[in-house]
């Protein structure tokens, strides 16, 4: 399911079904999901600790580390989608609204 064709709803449906098949819903409160997101972000950060900017780009392209980094990013995204499901937040709408707010907060400088 490449980015160009995947929808946010399809991602939310897939991760919701995965969790439901395992009967994980009782553990998926917004608080627990938020903490899990933070934990997974920490695991993603581990790949970049103490690297220079240039080294961080290189580690993303390295065959030895790329898949592990992608796995951590996927864990973060899956949990974000589950958070949206269980908190009743439309992720696409929230991102679009925040982009409008950010455009006001950070106007173009000419």
Protein backbone atom coordinates (compact mmCIF):
# COMPACT_ATOMS: atom_id res chain seq x y z
CA UNK A 1 0.00 0.00 0.00
CA UNK A 2 2.24 2.88 -1.20
CA UNK A 3 1.76 6.45 0.02
CA UNK A 4 0.50 7.53 -3.40
CA UNK A 5 -2.52 5.23 -3.20
CA UNK A 6 -3.13 4.57 0.51
CA UNK A 7 -5.79 6.54 2.32
CA UNK A 8 -5.71 7.49 5.96
CA UNK A 9 -8.98 5.61 6.38
CA UNK A 10 -7.49 2.43 4.91
CA UNK A 11 -4.57 2.67 7.34
CA UNK A 12 -6.93 3.27 10.27
CA UNK A 13 -9.11 0.34 9.20
CA UNK A 14 -6.12 -1.99 8.87
CA UNK A 15 -4.61 -1.20 12.26
CA UNK A 16 -8.05 -1.27 13.92
CA UNK A 17 -8.72 -4.74 12.48
CA UNK A 18 -5.26 -5.95 13.53
CA UNK A 19 -5.84 -4.78 17.11
CA UNK A 20 -9.40 -6.15 17.22
CA UNK A 21 -8.25 -9.61 16.08
CA UNK A 22 -5.94 -9.65 19.09
CA UNK A 23 -8.56 -8.23 21.50
CA UNK A 24 -6.32 -5.26 22.37
CA UNK A 25 -9.09 -2.63 22.46
CA UNK A 26 -9.40 -2.61 26.29
CA UNK A 27 -5.82 -1.34 26.44
CA UNK A 28 -6.25 1.35 23.81
CA UNK A 29 -7.31 4.32 25.89
CA UNK A 30 -6.09 7.71 24.63
CA UNK A 31 -3.69 7.84 27.61
CA UNK A 32 -2.17 4.43 26.89
CA UNK A 33 -1.90 5.13 23.17
CA UNK A 34 -0.27 8.49 23.82
CA UNK A 35 2.31 6.86 26.07
CA UNK A 36 2.92 4.13 23.49
CA UNK A 37 3.45 6.79 20.80
CA UNK A 38 6.03 8.51 23.01
CA UNK A 39 7.80 5.18 23.63
CA UNK A 40 7.94 4.36 19.93
CA UNK A 41 9.20 7.85 19.08
CA UNK A 42 11.99 7.21 21.60
CA UNK A 43 12.86 3.97 19.80
CA UNK A 44 12.96 5.86 16.49
CA UNK A 45 15.18 8.53 18.06
CA UNK A 46 17.66 5.87 19.18
CA UNK A 47 18.74 5.43 15.57
CA UNK A 48 19.81 9.07 15.34
CA UNK A 49 21.30 9.83 18.75
CA UNK A 50 24.53 11.81 18.48
CA UNK A 51 24.56 11.79 14.67
CA UNK A 52 25.24 14.88 12.60
CA UNK A 53 22.57 15.99 10.13
CA UNK A 54 24.55 14.42 7.29
CA UNK A 55 24.97 11.16 9.18
CA UNK A 56 21.24 11.04 9.88
CA UNK A 57 20.48 11.18 6.14
CA UNK A 58 23.04 8.45 5.50
CA UNK A 59 21.64 6.12 8.17
CA UNK A 60 18.20 6.39 6.52
CA UNK A 61 19.70 5.15 3.25
CA UNK A 62 21.94 2.45 4.72
CA UNK A 63 20.78 -1.10 3.95
CA UNK A 64 21.85 -2.08 7.48
CA UNK A 65 19.55 0.39 9.27
CA UNK A 66 16.83 1.50 6.82
CA UNK A 67 14.40 -1.35 7.58
CA UNK A 68 14.72 -0.93 11.36
CA UNK A 69 14.08 2.80 11.03
CA UNK A 70 11.09 2.12 8.77
CA UNK A 71 9.73 -0.36 11.33
CA UNK A 72 9.91 2.23 14.12
CA UNK A 73 8.28 4.86 11.92
CA UNK A 74 5.51 2.37 11.11
CA UNK A 75 4.99 1.69 14.84
CA UNK A 76 4.59 5.43 15.44
CA UNK A 77 2.17 5.82 12.53
CA UNK A 78 0.11 2.79 13.55
CA UNK A 79 -0.28 4.13 17.06
CA UNK A 80 -1.17 7.61 15.77
CA UNK A 81 -3.92 6.04 13.64
CA UNK A 82 -5.21 4.05 16.62
CA UNK A 83 -5.16 7.19 18.75
CA UNK A 84 -7.31 8.91 16.11
CA UNK A 85 -9.74 5.99 16.11
CA UNK A 86 -10.12 5.78 19.90
CA UNK A 87 -10.08 9.54 20.53
CA UNK A 88 -12.60 10.18 17.74
CA UNK A 89 -10.24 12.49 15.86
CA UNK A 90 -10.25 12.66 12.07
CA UNK A 91 -6.51 12.64 11.41
CA UNK A 92 -6.71 14.16 7.92
CA UNK A 93 -8.95 16.98 9.12
CA UNK A 94 -6.72 17.64 12.13
CA UNK A 95 -3.61 17.84 9.91
CA UNK A 96 -5.32 20.16 7.43
CA UNK A 97 -6.58 22.48 10.19
CA UNK A 98 -3.16 22.56 11.84
CA UNK A 99 -1.49 23.46 8.53
CA UNK A 100 -3.80 26.48 8.25
CA UNK A 101 -2.91 27.53 11.80
CA UNK A 102 0.80 27.04 11.09
CA UNK A 103 0.57 29.19 7.94
CA UNK A 104 -0.74 32.04 10.10
CA UNK A 105 1.78 31.44 12.88
CA UNK A 106 4.74 31.10 10.49
CA UNK A 107 4.06 33.43 7.55
CA UNK A 108 6.31 33.47 4.52
CA UNK A 109 9.25 35.81 4.84
CA UNK A 110 10.19 37.71 1.72
